[in-house]
Structures are given as structure tokens and as C-alpha cells.
Amino acid sequence: MKKLFLKFYLLSTTYYLLSTTSVFASSSDSFTIDNSIFGPAAFGTVGKLATNILTILTSAAGALAVIFIILSGLKFANAGGDEKKMEGARNTITYAIIGVAVTVLAFIILQLVQHFFGSNVTIT
């Protein structure tokens, strides 16, 4: 069954990669960008861009930490007294808590750097 699935996957991937699609160029002489959907990027400074990136990354890290804490709880519940499984669940929750600590430290370090350099980029 595994080999059949692998063959089907490889065949469908090969077909997808080798299939051709028609591309038609625009016949008009002028080219304009429609900014109604996505406006032009306006970060202003590198500090604001770094703040936006840090906010996105820390939000993702926080969400992943919560997911891993929930998964480790499920691992504990399904361990059934098996020491090996409980150790794995304990390690998962330990690493999730370390991840949360690193995420919080990232904000603290950013605040310290901004204080030392006299920057006033707000962190939301």
C-alpha cells in the first residue's frame, strides 16, 4: 500500500511539474499597479521594520508554545504510567516553557537596546 501511494504521489507530482500552462502577455502599452488591495509598504525606518518582524515572530512563537504545552498535556494523559512517554511529555513542556522565556527575553532585550541607543520605536 505504501509503495502504491508513493508511486501515485511521484506520478502526480511529475505530471504537475511537466504540464504546460498558457501565458498570455498584456497587449496594452501602459502598465499600472493597482494599490487598492495592498498599499505600498511604508515602514519608515529599519527600526519599525525590525519591530514588525519581531512582533510577528514572537506572536508565532507564543502560539507554538501554547500548542506544544497542550500537546505535552495530552502526552501526559496518554502516557498510562509509562516512564519513557512521561519523560517525553516532560521534555516537551520544558522546551515550550524555555521557548516562552526566550520570547519574553527578546522583548526585554529590544527595550534595552532601544534605551541605550535612544530610539523611540514603539512595540505593540
PDB file of N, CA and C in Angstrom:
ATOM      1  N   MET A   1       0.827  -1.190   0.000  1.00  0.00           N
ATOM      2  CA  MET A   1       0.000   0.000   0.000  1.00  0.00           C
ATOM      3  C   MET A   1       0.872   1.255   0.000  1.00  0.00           C
ATOM      4  N   LYS A   2       1.960   1.204   0.780  1.00  0.00           N
ATOM      5  CA  LYS A   2       2.849   2.347   0.851  1.00  0.00           C
ATOM      6  C   LYS A   2       3.506   2.615  -0.495  1.00  0.00           C
ATOM      7  N   LYS A   3       3.910   1.538  -1.171  1.00  0.00           N
ATOM      8  CA  LYS A   3       4.552   1.688  -2.476  1.00  0.00           C
ATOM      9  C   LYS A   3       3.571   2.234  -3.504  1.00  0.00           C
ATOM     10  N   LEU A   4       2.327   1.791  -3.446  1.00  0.00           N
ATOM     11  CA  LEU A   4       1.317   2.286  -4.373  1.00  0.00           C
ATOM     12  C   LEU A   4       1.088   3.778  -4.158  1.00  0.00           C
ATOM     13  N   PHE A   5       0.997   4.195  -2.889  1.00  0.00           N
ATOM     14  CA  PHE A   5       0.826   5.614  -2.591  1.00  0.00           C
ATOM     15  C   PHE A   5       2.019   6.423  -3.067  1.00  0.00           C
ATOM     16  N   LEU A   6       3.226   5.909  -2.836  1.00  0.00           N
ATOM     17  CA  LEU A   6       4.432   6.608  -3.261  1.00  0.00           C
ATOM     18  C   LEU A   6       4.475   6.742  -4.777  1.00  0.00           C
ATOM     19  N   LYS A   7       4.110   5.683  -5.503  1.00  0.00           N
ATOM     20  CA  LYS A   7       4.082   5.746  -6.964  1.00  0.00           C
ATOM     21  C   LYS A   7       3.061   6.772  -7.447  1.00  0.00           C
ATOM     22  N   PHE A   8       1.876   6.776  -6.824  1.00  0.00           N
ATOM     23  CA  PHE A   8       0.855   7.736  -7.209  1.00  0.00           C
ATOM     24  C   PHE A   8       1.324   9.163  -6.934  1.00  0.00           C
ATOM     25  N   TYR A   9       1.956   9.373  -5.780  1.00  0.00           N
ATOM     26  CA  TYR A   9       2.452  10.697  -5.429  1.00  0.00           C
ATOM     27  C   TYR A   9       3.513  11.160  -6.420  1.00  0.00           C
ATOM     28  N   LEU A  10       4.449  10.292  -6.737  1.00  0.00           N
ATOM     29  CA  LEU A  10       5.505  10.667  -7.681  1.00  0.00           C
ATOM     30  C   LEU A  10       4.943  10.919  -9.072  1.00  0.00           C
ATOM     31  N   LEU A  11       3.995  10.110  -9.504  1.00  0.00           N
ATOM     32  CA  LEU A  11       3.390  10.287 -10.816  1.00  0.00           C
ATOM     33  C   LEU A  11       2.617  11.597 -10.892  1.00  0.00           C
ATOM     34  N   SER A  12       1.826  11.903  -9.859  1.00  0.00           N
ATOM     35  CA  SER A  12       1.049  13.137  -9.888  1.00  0.00           C
ATOM     36  C   SER A  12       1.954  14.369  -9.775  1.00  0.00           C
ATOM     37  N   THR A  13       3.011  14.271  -8.998  1.00  0.00           N
ATOM     38  CA  THR A  13       3.950  15.395  -8.894  1.00  0.00           C
ATOM     39  C   THR A  13       4.670  15.618 -10.213  1.00  0.00           C
ATOM     40  N   THR A  14       5.094  14.542 -10.854  1.00  0.00           N
ATOM     41  CA  THR A  14       5.760  14.663 -12.147  1.00  0.00           C
ATOM     42  C   THR A  14       4.818  15.266 -13.182  1.00  0.00           C
ATOM     43  N   TYR A  15       3.574  14.815 -13.207  1.00  0.00           N
ATOM     44  CA  TYR A  15       2.603  15.367 -14.142  1.00  0.00           C
ATOM     45  C   TYR A  15       2.408  16.864 -13.886  1.00  0.00           C
ATOM     46  N   TYR A  16       2.294  17.235 -12.614  1.00  0.00           N
ATOM     47  CA  TYR A  16       2.097  18.641 -12.289  1.00  0.00           C
ATOM     48  C   TYR A  16       3.285  19.491 -12.736  1.00  0.00           C
ATOM     49  N   LEU A  17       4.495  18.991 -12.526  1.00  0.00           N
ATOM     50  CA  LEU A  17       5.687  19.766 -12.879  1.00  0.00           C
ATOM     51  C   LEU A  17       5.894  19.839 -14.385  1.00  0.00           C
ATOM     52  N   LEU A  18       5.485  18.811 -15.110  1.00  0.00           N
ATOM     53  CA  LEU A  18       5.719  18.789 -16.546  1.00  0.00           C
ATOM     54  C   LEU A  18       4.564  19.349 -17.361  1.00  0.00           C
ATOM     55  N   SER A  19       3.426  19.550 -16.752  1.00  0.00           N
ATOM     56  CA  SER A  19       2.289  20.076 -17.504  1.00  0.00           C
ATOM     57  C   SER A  19       2.559  21.530 -17.878  1.00  0.00           C
ATOM     58  N   THR A  20       2.098  21.898 -19.044  1.00  0.00           N
ATOM     59  CA  THR A  20       2.335  23.260 -19.528  1.00  0.00           C
ATOM     60  C   THR A  20       1.084  24.098 -19.325  1.00  0.00           C
ATOM     61  N   THR A  21       1.296  25.356 -19.092  1.00  0.00           N
ATOM     62  CA  THR A  21       0.192  26.297 -18.964  1.00  0.00           C
ATOM     63  C   THR A  21       0.408  27.428 -19.947  1.00  0.00           C
ATOM     64  N   SER A  22      -0.675  27.958 -20.434  1.00  0.00           N
ATOM     65  CA  SER A  22      -0.602  29.066 -21.384  1.00  0.00           C
ATOM     66  C   SER A  22      -0.466  30.375 -20.623  1.00  0.00           C
ATOM     67  N   VAL A  23       0.437  31.192 -21.109  1.00  0.00           N
ATOM     68  CA  VAL A  23       0.641  32.503 -20.507  1.00  0.00           C
ATOM     69  C   VAL A  23       0.460  33.527 -21.620  1.00  0.00           C
ATOM     70  N   PHE A  24      -0.423  34.475 -21.396  1.00  0.00           N
ATOM     71  CA  PHE A  24      -0.687  35.495 -22.391  1.00  0.00           C
ATOM     72  C   PHE A  24      -0.238  36.839 -21.855  1.00  0.00           C
ATOM     73  N   ALA A  25       0.516  37.553 -22.637  1.00  0.00           N
ATOM     74  CA  ALA A  25       1.003  38.867 -22.237  1.00  0.00           C
ATOM     75  C   ALA A  25      -0.081  39.902 -22.497  1.00  0.00           C
ATOM     76  N   SER A  26      -0.013  40.976 -21.770  1.00  0.00           N
ATOM     77  CA  SER A  26      -0.963  42.058 -21.934  1.00  0.00           C
ATOM     78  C   SER A  26      -0.650  42.819 -23.215  1.00  0.00           C
ATOM     79  N   SER A  27      -1.687  43.215 -23.919  1.00  0.00           N
ATOM     80  CA  SER A  27      -1.472  43.916 -25.179  1.00  0.00           C
ATOM     81  C   SER A  27      -1.426  45.430 -25.013  1.00  0.00           C
ATOM     82  N   SER A  28      -1.738  45.943 -23.839  1.00  0.00           N
ATOM     83  CA  SER A  28      -1.725  47.388 -23.667  1.00  0.00           C
ATOM     84  C   SER A  28      -0.297  47.887 -23.489  1.00  0.00           C
ATOM     85  N   ASP A  29      -0.074  49.130 -23.867  1.00  0.00           N
ATOM     86  CA  ASP A  29       1.258  49.710 -23.787  1.00  0.00           C
ATOM     87  C   ASP A  29       1.579  50.243 -22.398  1.00  0.00           C
ATOM     88  N   SER A  30       0.569  50.534 -21.618  1.00  0.00           N
ATOM     89  CA  SER A  30       0.826  51.102 -20.291  1.00  0.00           C
ATOM     90  C   SER A  30       0.648  50.019 -19.225  1.00  0.00           C
ATOM     91  N   PHE A  31       1.414  50.170 -18.169  1.00  0.00           N
ATOM     92  CA  PHE A  31       1.365  49.217 -17.069  1.00  0.00           C
ATOM     93  C   PHE A  31       1.185  49.991 -15.778  1.00  0.00           C
ATOM     94  N   THR A  32       0.156  49.676 -15.035  1.00  0.00           N
ATOM     95  CA  THR A  32      -0.091  50.335 -13.762  1.00  0.00           C
ATOM     96  C   THR A  32      -0.265  49.284 -12.675  1.00  0.00           C
ATOM     97  N   ILE A  33       0.103  49.644 -11.478  1.00  0.00           N
ATOM     98  CA  ILE A  33      -0.041  48.754 -10.336  1.00  0.00           C
ATOM     99  C   ILE A  33      -1.263  49.204  -9.549  1.00  0.00           C
ATOM    100  N   ASP A  34      -2.138  48.255  -9.271  1.00  0.00           N
ATOM    101  CA  ASP A  34      -3.350  48.543  -8.525  1.00  0.00           C
ATOM    102  C   ASP A  34      -3.030  48.461  -7.032  1.00  0.00           C
ATOM    103  N   ASN A  35      -3.057  49.597  -6.353  1.00  0.00           N
ATOM    104  CA  ASN A  35      -2.750  49.645  -4.925  1.00  0.00           C
ATOM    105  C   ASN A  35      -3.985  49.538  -4.054  1.00  0.00           C
ATOM    106  N   SER A  36      -5.142  49.206  -4.640  1.00  0.00           N
ATOM    107  CA  SER A  36      -6.357  49.165  -3.839  1.00  0.00           C
ATOM    108  C   SER A  36      -6.385  47.949  -2.915  1.00  0.00           C
ATOM    109  N   ILE A  37      -5.744  46.851  -3.309  1.00  0.00           N
ATOM    110  CA  ILE A  37      -5.749  45.658  -2.463  1.00  0.00           C
ATOM    111  C   ILE A  37      -4.655  45.758  -1.412  1.00  0.00           C
ATOM    112  N   PHE A  38      -3.425  45.922  -1.857  1.00  0.00           N
ATOM    113  CA  PHE A  38      -2.284  46.056  -0.953  1.00  0.00           C
ATOM    114  C   PHE A  38      -1.613  47.390  -1.248  1.00  0.00           C
ATOM    115  N   GLY A  39      -1.601  48.248  -0.280  1.00  0.00           N
ATOM    116  CA  GLY A  39      -0.958  49.540  -0.462  1.00  0.00           C
ATOM    117  C   GLY A  39       0.548  49.390  -0.474  1.00  0.00           C
ATOM    118  N   PRO A  40       1.250  50.435  -0.820  1.00  0.00           N
ATOM    119  CA  PRO A  40       2.708  50.353  -0.820  1.00  0.00           C
ATOM    120  C   PRO A  40       3.235  50.166   0.600  1.00  0.00           C
ATOM    121  N   ALA A  41       4.315  49.443   0.710  1.00  0.00           N
ATOM    122  CA  ALA A  41       4.912  49.196   2.024  1.00  0.00           C
ATOM    123  C   ALA A  41       5.498  50.492   2.559  1.00  0.00           C
ATOM    124  N   ALA A  42       5.117  50.837   3.760  1.00  0.00           N
ATOM    125  CA  ALA A  42       5.606  52.073   4.349  1.00  0.00           C
ATOM    126  C   ALA A  42       6.036  51.793   5.788  1.00  0.00           C
ATOM    127  N   PHE A  43       7.229  51.279   5.949  1.00  0.00           N
ATOM    128  CA  PHE A  43       7.732  51.003   7.278  1.00  0.00           C
ATOM    129  C   PHE A  43       8.431  52.218   7.865  1.00  0.00           C
ATOM    130  N   GLY A  44       8.908  53.081   7.036  1.00  0.00           N
ATOM    131  CA  GLY A  44       9.552  54.290   7.516  1.00  0.00           C
ATOM    132  C   GLY A  44      11.020  54.096   7.808  1.00  0.00           C
ATOM    133  N   THR A  45      11.316  53.358   8.850  1.00  0.00           N
ATOM    134  CA  THR A  45      12.706  53.164   9.245  1.00  0.00           C
ATOM    135  C   THR A  45      12.987  51.677   9.416  1.00  0.00           C
ATOM    136  N   VAL A  46      14.261  51.364   9.517  1.00  0.00           N
ATOM    137  CA  VAL A  46      14.665  49.977   9.734  1.00  0.00           C
ATOM    138  C   VAL A  46      14.192  49.514  11.108  1.00  0.00           C
ATOM    139  N   GLY A  47      14.166  50.403  12.064  1.00  0.00           N
ATOM    140  CA  GLY A  47      13.695  50.069  13.410  1.00  0.00           C
ATOM    141  C   GLY A  47      12.244  49.634  13.419  1.00  0.00           C
ATOM    142  N   LYS A  48      11.411  50.336  12.666  1.00  0.00           N
ATOM    143  CA  LYS A  48       9.997  49.960  12.588  1.00  0.00           C
ATOM    144  C   LYS A  48       9.832  48.620  11.874  1.00  0.00           C
ATOM    145  N   LEU A  49      10.629  48.393  10.846  1.00  0.00           N
ATOM    146  CA  LEU A  49      10.581  47.111  10.149  1.00  0.00           C
ATOM    147  C   LEU A  49      11.005  45.983  11.082  1.00  0.00           C
ATOM    148  N   ALA A  50      12.074  46.198  11.835  1.00  0.00           N
ATOM    149  CA  ALA A  50      12.541  45.183  12.780  1.00  0.00           C
ATOM    150  C   ALA A  50      11.496  44.933  13.866  1.00  0.00           C
ATOM    151  N   THR A  51      10.826  45.987  14.310  1.00  0.00           N
ATOM    152  CA  THR A  51       9.781  45.826  15.310  1.00  0.00           C
ATOM    153  C   THR A  51       8.624  45.004  14.764  1.00  0.00           C
ATOM    154  N   ASN A  52       8.230  45.273  13.528  1.00  0.00           N
ATOM    155  CA  ASN A  52       7.150  44.492  12.919  1.00  0.00           C
ATOM    156  C   ASN A  52       7.537  43.024  12.781  1.00  0.00           C
ATOM    157  N   ILE A  53       8.767  42.769  12.347  1.00  0.00           N
ATOM    158  CA  ILE A  53       9.225  41.385  12.198  1.00  0.00           C
ATOM    159  C   ILE A  53       9.275  40.706  13.558  1.00  0.00           C
ATOM    160  N   LEU A  54       9.796  41.390  14.567  1.00  0.00           N
ATOM    161  CA  LEU A  54       9.886  40.813  15.907  1.00  0.00           C
ATOM    162  C   LEU A  54       8.501  40.527  16.475  1.00  0.00           C
ATOM    163  N   THR A  55       7.551  41.408  16.226  1.00  0.00           N
ATOM    164  CA  THR A  55       6.188  41.196  16.713  1.00  0.00           C
ATOM    165  C   THR A  55       5.581  39.953  16.077  1.00  0.00           C
ATOM    166  N   ILE A  56       5.769  39.790  14.781  1.00  0.00           N
ATOM    167  CA  ILE A  56       5.228  38.615  14.090  1.00  0.00           C
ATOM    168  C   ILE A  56       5.885  37.339  14.605  1.00  0.00           C
ATOM    169  N   LEU A  57       7.202  37.363  14.733  1.00  0.00           N
ATOM    170  CA  LEU A  57       7.913  36.160  15.181  1.00  0.00           C
ATOM    171  C   LEU A  57       7.562  35.798  16.622  1.00  0.00           C
ATOM    172  N   THR A  58       7.452  36.784  17.485  1.00  0.00           N
ATOM    173  CA  THR A  58       7.119  36.466  18.874  1.00  0.00           C
ATOM    174  C   THR A  58       5.672  35.999  19.010  1.00  0.00           C
ATOM    175  N   SER A  59       4.785  36.524  18.188  1.00  0.00           N
ATOM    176  CA  SER A  59       3.402  36.040  18.198  1.00  0.00           C
ATOM    177  C   SER A  59       3.345  34.583  17.760  1.00  0.00           C
ATOM    178  N   ALA A  60       4.086  34.262  16.709  1.00  0.00           N
ATOM    179  CA  ALA A  60       4.131  32.876  16.241  1.00  0.00           C
ATOM    180  C   ALA A  60       4.771  31.972  17.290  1.00  0.00           C
ATOM    181  N   ALA A  61       5.831  32.444  17.935  1.00  0.00           N
ATOM    182  CA  ALA A  61       6.489  31.638  18.970  1.00  0.00           C
ATOM    183  C   ALA A  61       5.559  31.414  20.153  1.00  0.00           C
ATOM    184  N   GLY A  62       4.817  32.422  20.546  1.00  0.00           N
ATOM    185  CA  GLY A  62       3.863  32.267  21.642  1.00  0.00           C
ATOM    186  C   GLY A  62       2.762  31.281  21.307  1.00  0.00           C
ATOM    187  N   ALA A  63       2.247  31.372  20.079  1.00  0.00           N
ATOM    188  CA  ALA A  63       1.206  30.431  19.657  1.00  0.00           C
ATOM    189  C   ALA A  63       1.740  29.003  19.614  1.00  0.00           C
ATOM    190  N   LEU A  64       2.953  28.830  19.101  1.00  0.00           N
ATOM    191  CA  LEU A  64       3.550  27.497  19.072  1.00  0.00           C
ATOM    192  C   LEU A  64       3.804  26.964  20.478  1.00  0.00           C
ATOM    193  N   ALA A  65       4.213  27.829  21.384  1.00  0.00           N
ATOM    194  CA  ALA A  65       4.444  27.392  22.762  1.00  0.00           C
ATOM    195  C   ALA A  65       3.151  26.899  23.400  1.00  0.00           C
ATOM    196  N   VAL A  66       2.060  27.611  23.179  1.00  0.00           N
ATOM    197  CA  VAL A  66       0.765  27.177  23.719  1.00  0.00           C
ATOM    198  C   VAL A  66       0.366  25.834  23.119  1.00  0.00           C
ATOM    199  N   ILE A  67       0.574  25.672  21.815  1.00  0.00           N
ATOM    200  CA  ILE A  67       0.237  24.401  21.160  1.00  0.00           C
ATOM    201  C   ILE A  67       1.074  23.268  21.746  1.00  0.00           C
ATOM    202  N   PHE A  68       2.377  23.506  21.950  1.00  0.00           N
ATOM    203  CA  PHE A  68       3.227  22.456  22.497  1.00  0.00           C
ATOM    204  C   PHE A  68       2.907  22.148  23.954  1.00  0.00           C
ATOM    205  N   ILE A  69       2.488  23.134  24.722  1.00  0.00           N
ATOM    206  CA  ILE A  69       2.075  22.876  26.095  1.00  0.00           C
ATOM    207  C   ILE A  69       0.819  22.005  26.116  1.00  0.00           C
ATOM    208  N   ILE A  70      -0.123  22.294  25.224  1.00  0.00           N
ATOM    209  CA  ILE A  70      -1.334  21.465  25.123  1.00  0.00           C
ATOM    210  C   ILE A  70      -0.973  20.045  24.686  1.00  0.00           C
ATOM    211  N   LEU A  71      -0.074  19.930  23.709  1.00  0.00           N
ATOM    212  CA  LEU A  71       0.337  18.595  23.258  1.00  0.00           C
ATOM    213  C   LEU A  71       1.046  17.818  24.360  1.00  0.00           C
ATOM    214  N   SER A  72       1.861  18.501  25.142  1.00  0.00           N
ATOM    215  CA  SER A  72       2.536  17.792  26.233  1.00  0.00           C
ATOM    216  C   SER A  72       1.532  17.345  27.293  1.00  0.00           C
ATOM    217  N   GLY A  73       0.496  18.128  27.522  1.00  0.00           N
ATOM    218  CA  GLY A  73      -0.566  17.702  28.431  1.00  0.00           C
ATOM    219  C   GLY A  73      -1.271  16.454  27.926  1.00  0.00           C
ATOM    220  N   LEU A  74      -1.522  16.424  26.626  1.00  0.00           N
ATOM    221  CA  LEU A  74      -2.119  15.222  26.035  1.00  0.00           C
ATOM    222  C   LEU A  74      -1.179  14.028  26.119  1.00  0.00           C
ATOM    223  N   LYS A  75       0.118  14.275  25.961  1.00  0.00           N
ATOM    224  CA  LYS A  75       1.094  13.188  26.106  1.00  0.00           C
ATOM    225  C   LYS A  75       1.082  12.643  27.531  1.00  0.00           C
ATOM    226  N   PHE A  76       1.006  13.534  28.524  1.00  0.00           N
ATOM    227  CA  PHE A  76       0.932  13.088  29.916  1.00  0.00           C
ATOM    228  C   PHE A  76      -0.321  12.247  30.142  1.00  0.00           C
ATOM    229  N   ALA A  77      -1.445  12.718  29.580  1.00  0.00           N
ATOM    230  CA  ALA A  77      -2.703  11.998  29.787  1.00  0.00           C
ATOM    231  C   ALA A  77      -2.680  10.622  29.128  1.00  0.00           C
ATOM    232  N   ASN A  78      -1.998  10.511  27.994  1.00  0.00           N
ATOM    233  CA  ASN A  78      -1.952   9.238  27.265  1.00  0.00           C
ATOM    234  C   ASN A  78      -0.756   8.373  27.631  1.00  0.00           C
ATOM    235  N   ALA A  79       0.057   8.819  28.580  1.00  0.00           N
ATOM    236  CA  ALA A  79       1.257   8.052  28.933  1.00  0.00           C
ATOM    237  C   ALA A  79       0.905   6.731  29.600  1.00  0.00           C
ATOM    238  N   GLY A  80      -0.133   6.716  30.386  1.00  0.00           N
ATOM    239  CA  GLY A  80      -0.560   5.477  31.022  1.00  0.00           C
ATOM    240  C   GLY A  80       0.465   4.922  32.003  1.00  0.00           C
ATOM    241  N   GLY A  81       1.264   5.765  32.624  1.00  0.00           N
ATOM    242  CA  GLY A  81       2.246   5.314  33.586  1.00  0.00           C
ATOM    243  C   GLY A  81       3.570   4.892  32.992  1.00  0.00           C
ATOM    244  N   ASP A  82       3.701   4.937  31.672  1.00  0.00           N
ATOM    245  CA  ASP A  82       4.956   4.574  31.017  1.00  0.00           C
ATOM    246  C   ASP A  82       5.974   5.688  31.244  1.00  0.00           C
ATOM    247  N   GLU A  83       7.083   5.338  31.880  1.00  0.00           N
ATOM    248  CA  GLU A  83       8.094   6.336  32.237  1.00  0.00           C
ATOM    249  C   GLU A  83       8.704   7.017  31.013  1.00  0.00           C
ATOM    250  N   LYS A  84       8.890   6.260  29.950  1.00  0.00           N
ATOM    251  CA  LYS A  84       9.504   6.821  28.736  1.00  0.00           C
ATOM    252  C   LYS A  84       8.594   7.887  28.115  1.00  0.00           C
ATOM    253  N   LYS A  85       7.302   7.586  28.054  1.00  0.00           N
ATOM    254  CA  LYS A  85       6.357   8.551  27.485  1.00  0.00           C
ATOM    255  C   LYS A  85       6.217   9.784  28.387  1.00  0.00           C
ATOM    256  N   MET A  86       6.236   9.562  29.694  1.00  0.00           N
ATOM    257  CA  MET A  86       6.131  10.696  30.610  1.00  0.00           C
ATOM    258  C   MET A  86       7.366  11.579  30.533  1.00  0.00           C
ATOM    259  N   GLU A  87       8.531  10.973  30.344  1.00  0.00           N
ATOM    260  CA  GLU A  87       9.762  11.755  30.176  1.00  0.00           C
ATOM    261  C   GLU A  87       9.700  12.602  28.898  1.00  0.00           C
ATOM    262  N   GLY A  88       9.153  12.023  27.816  1.00  0.00           N
ATOM    263  CA  GLY A  88       8.991  12.784  26.572  1.00  0.00           C
ATOM    264  C   GLY A  88       8.049  13.954  26.744  1.00  0.00           C
ATOM    265  N   ALA A  89       6.949  13.737  27.466  1.00  0.00           N
ATOM    266  CA  ALA A  89       5.996  14.818  27.724  1.00  0.00           C
ATOM    267  C   ALA A  89       6.634  15.889  28.608  1.00  0.00           C
ATOM    268  N   ARG A  90       7.411  15.475  29.590  1.00  0.00           N
ATOM    269  CA  ARG A  90       8.101  16.417  30.475  1.00  0.00           C
ATOM    270  C   ARG A  90       9.102  17.263  29.682  1.00  0.00           C
ATOM    271  N   ASN A  91       9.823  16.625  28.762  1.00  0.00           N
ATOM    272  CA  ASN A  91      10.770  17.367  27.923  1.00  0.00           C
ATOM    273  C   ASN A  91      10.044  18.359  27.018  1.00  0.00           C
ATOM    274  N   THR A  92       8.906  17.954  26.478  1.00  0.00           N
ATOM    275  CA  THR A  92       8.142  18.847  25.598  1.00  0.00           C
ATOM    276  C   THR A  92       7.695  20.097  26.346  1.00  0.00           C
ATOM    277  N   ILE A  93       7.164  19.920  27.532  1.00  0.00           N
ATOM    278  CA  ILE A  93       6.698  21.089  28.278  1.00  0.00           C
ATOM    279  C   ILE A  93       7.877  21.951  28.749  1.00  0.00           C
ATOM    280  N   THR A  94       9.005  21.311  29.054  1.00  0.00           N
ATOM    281  CA  THR A  94      10.192  22.078  29.447  1.00  0.00           C
ATOM    282  C   THR A  94      10.670  22.959  28.301  1.00  0.00           C
ATOM    283  N   TYR A  95      10.745  22.389  27.098  1.00  0.00           N
ATOM    284  CA  TYR A  95      11.198  23.164  25.946  1.00  0.00           C
ATOM    285  C   TYR A  95      10.196  24.241  25.563  1.00  0.00           C
ATOM    286  N   ALA A  96       8.909  23.984  25.758  1.00  0.00           N
ATOM    287  CA  ALA A  96       7.902  25.009  25.465  1.00  0.00           C
ATOM    288  C   ALA A  96       8.047  26.185  26.421  1.00  0.00           C
ATOM    289  N   ILE A  97       8.298  25.896  27.690  1.00  0.00           N
ATOM    290  CA  ILE A  97       8.473  26.978  28.670  1.00  0.00           C
ATOM    291  C   ILE A  97       9.764  27.750  28.382  1.00  0.00           C
ATOM    292  N   ILE A  98      10.816  27.041  27.988  1.00  0.00           N
ATOM    293  CA  ILE A  98      12.052  27.734  27.599  1.00  0.00           C
ATOM    294  C   ILE A  98      11.789  28.635  26.392  1.00  0.00           C
ATOM    295  N   GLY A  99      10.979  28.175  25.447  1.00  0.00           N
ATOM    296  CA  GLY A  99      10.630  28.994  24.285  1.00  0.00           C
ATOM    297  C   GLY A  99       9.882  30.259  24.671  1.00  0.00           C
ATOM    298  N   VAL A 100       8.968  30.140  25.625  1.00  0.00           N
ATOM    299  CA  VAL A 100       8.243  31.325  26.101  1.00  0.00           C
ATOM    300  C   VAL A 100       9.215  32.296  26.775  1.00  0.00           C
ATOM    301  N   ALA A 101      10.145  31.757  27.568  1.00  0.00           N
ATOM    302  CA  ALA A 101      11.123  32.616  28.249  1.00  0.00           C
ATOM    303  C   ALA A 101      12.001  33.346  27.239  1.00  0.00           C
ATOM    304  N   VAL A 102      12.432  32.650  26.195  1.00  0.00           N
ATOM    305  CA  VAL A 102      13.258  33.293  25.162  1.00  0.00           C
ATOM    306  C   VAL A 102      12.458  34.373  24.436  1.00  0.00           C
ATOM    307  N   THR A 103      11.190  34.104  24.198  1.00  0.00           N
ATOM    308  CA  THR A 103      10.336  35.091  23.527  1.00  0.00           C
ATOM    309  C   THR A 103      10.187  36.349  24.372  1.00  0.00           C
ATOM    310  N   VAL A 104       9.968  36.174  25.660  1.00  0.00           N
ATOM    311  CA  VAL A 104       9.840  37.334  26.548  1.00  0.00           C
ATOM    312  C   VAL A 104      11.175  38.079  26.637  1.00  0.00           C
ATOM    313  N   LEU A 105      12.269  37.337  26.690  1.00  0.00           N
ATOM    314  CA  LEU A 105      13.584  37.977  26.731  1.00  0.00           C
ATOM    315  C   LEU A 105      13.878  38.768  25.455  1.00  0.00           C
ATOM    316  N   ALA A 106      13.332  38.340  24.333  1.00  0.00           N
ATOM    317  CA  ALA A 106      13.541  39.087  23.091  1.00  0.00           C
ATOM    318  C   ALA A 106      12.952  40.491  23.215  1.00  0.00           C
ATOM    319  N   PHE A 107      11.772  40.603  23.791  1.00  0.00           N
ATOM    320  CA  PHE A 107      11.186  41.924  24.003  1.00  0.00           C
ATOM    321  C   PHE A 107      12.006  42.744  24.989  1.00  0.00           C
ATOM    322  N   ILE A 108      12.463  42.117  26.055  1.00  0.00           N
ATOM    323  CA  ILE A 108      13.251  42.840  27.047  1.00  0.00           C
ATOM    324  C   ILE A 108      14.567  43.330  26.441  1.00  0.00           C
ATOM    325  N   ILE A 109      15.222  42.477  25.669  1.00  0.00           N
ATOM    326  CA  ILE A 109      16.487  42.870  25.033  1.00  0.00           C
ATOM    327  C   ILE A 109      16.252  44.004  24.042  1.00  0.00           C
ATOM    328  N   LEU A 110      15.163  43.935  23.296  1.00  0.00           N
ATOM    329  CA  LEU A 110      14.855  45.019  22.357  1.00  0.00           C
ATOM    330  C   LEU A 110      14.646  46.336  23.096  1.00  0.00           C
ATOM    331  N   GLN A 111      13.954  46.294  24.223  1.00  0.00           N
ATOM    332  CA  GLN A 111      13.749  47.512  25.009  1.00  0.00           C
ATOM    333  C   GLN A 111      15.075  48.070  25.519  1.00  0.00           C
ATOM    334  N   LEU A 112      15.971  47.184  25.970  1.00  0.00           N
ATOM    335  CA  LEU A 112      17.276  47.644  26.455  1.00  0.00           C
ATOM    336  C   LEU A 112      18.104  48.270  25.339  1.00  0.00           C
ATOM    337  N   VAL A 113      18.095  47.642  24.171  1.00  0.00           N
ATOM    338  CA  VAL A 113      18.848  48.186  23.033  1.00  0.00           C
ATOM    339  C   VAL A 113      18.292  49.545  22.639  1.00  0.00           C
ATOM    340  N   GLN A 114      16.966  49.676  22.609  1.00  0.00           N
ATOM    341  CA  GLN A 114      16.369  50.961  22.267  1.00  0.00           C
ATOM    342  C   GLN A 114      16.713  52.018  23.321  1.00  0.00           C
ATOM    343  N   HIS A 115      16.752  51.625  24.567  1.00  0.00           N
ATOM    344  CA  HIS A 115      17.100  52.572  25.628  1.00  0.00           C
ATOM    345  C   HIS A 115      18.548  53.053  25.482  1.00  0.00           C
ATOM    346  N   PHE A 116      19.467  52.134  25.199  1.00  0.00           N
ATOM    347  CA  PHE A 116      20.877  52.505  25.074  1.00  0.00           C
ATOM    348  C   PHE A 116      21.146  53.355  23.848  1.00  0.00           C
ATOM    349  N   PHE A 117      20.410  53.117  22.760  1.00  0.00           N
ATOM    350  CA  PHE A 117      20.630  53.891  21.549  1.00  0.00           C
ATOM    351  C   PHE A 117      19.728  55.111  21.459  1.00  0.00           C
ATOM    352  N   GLY A 118      18.830  55.297  22.409  1.00  0.00           N
ATOM    353  CA  GLY A 118      17.977  56.470  22.411  1.00  0.00           C
ATOM    354  C   GLY A 118      16.888  56.397  21.359  1.00  0.00           C
ATOM    355  N   SER A 119      16.508  55.222  20.949  1.00  0.00           N
ATOM    356  CA  SER A 119      15.462  55.049  19.942  1.00  0.00           C
ATOM    357  C   SER A 119      14.105  55.093  20.620  1.00  0.00           C
ATOM    358  N   ASN A 120      13.097  55.462  19.846  1.00  0.00           N
ATOM    359  CA  ASN A 120      11.750  55.520  20.403  1.00  0.00           C
ATOM    360  C   ASN A 120      10.753  54.762  19.515  1.00  0.00           C
ATOM    361  N   VAL A 121      11.159  53.624  18.993  1.00  0.00           N
ATOM    362  CA  VAL A 121      10.260  52.802  18.184  1.00  0.00           C
ATOM    363  C   VAL A 121       9.327  52.082  19.128  1.00  0.00           C
ATOM    364  N   THR A 122       8.024  52.265  18.935  1.00  0.00           N
ATOM    365  CA  THR A 122       7.059  51.653  19.840  1.00  0.00           C
ATOM    366  C   THR A 122       6.869  50.184  19.488  1.00  0.00           C
ATOM    367  N   ILE A 123       6.707  49.379  20.501  1.00  0.00           N
ATOM    368  CA  ILE A 123       6.445  47.959  20.317  1.00  0.00           C
ATOM    369  C   ILE A 123       5.002  47.713  20.724  1.00  0.00           C
ATOM    370  N   THR A 124       4.217  47.187  19.802  1.00  0.00           N
ATOM    371  CA  THR A 124       2.811  46.950  20.079  1.00  0.00           C
ATOM    372  C   THR A 124       2.577  45.542  20.497  1.00  0.00           C
TER     373      THR A 124
END
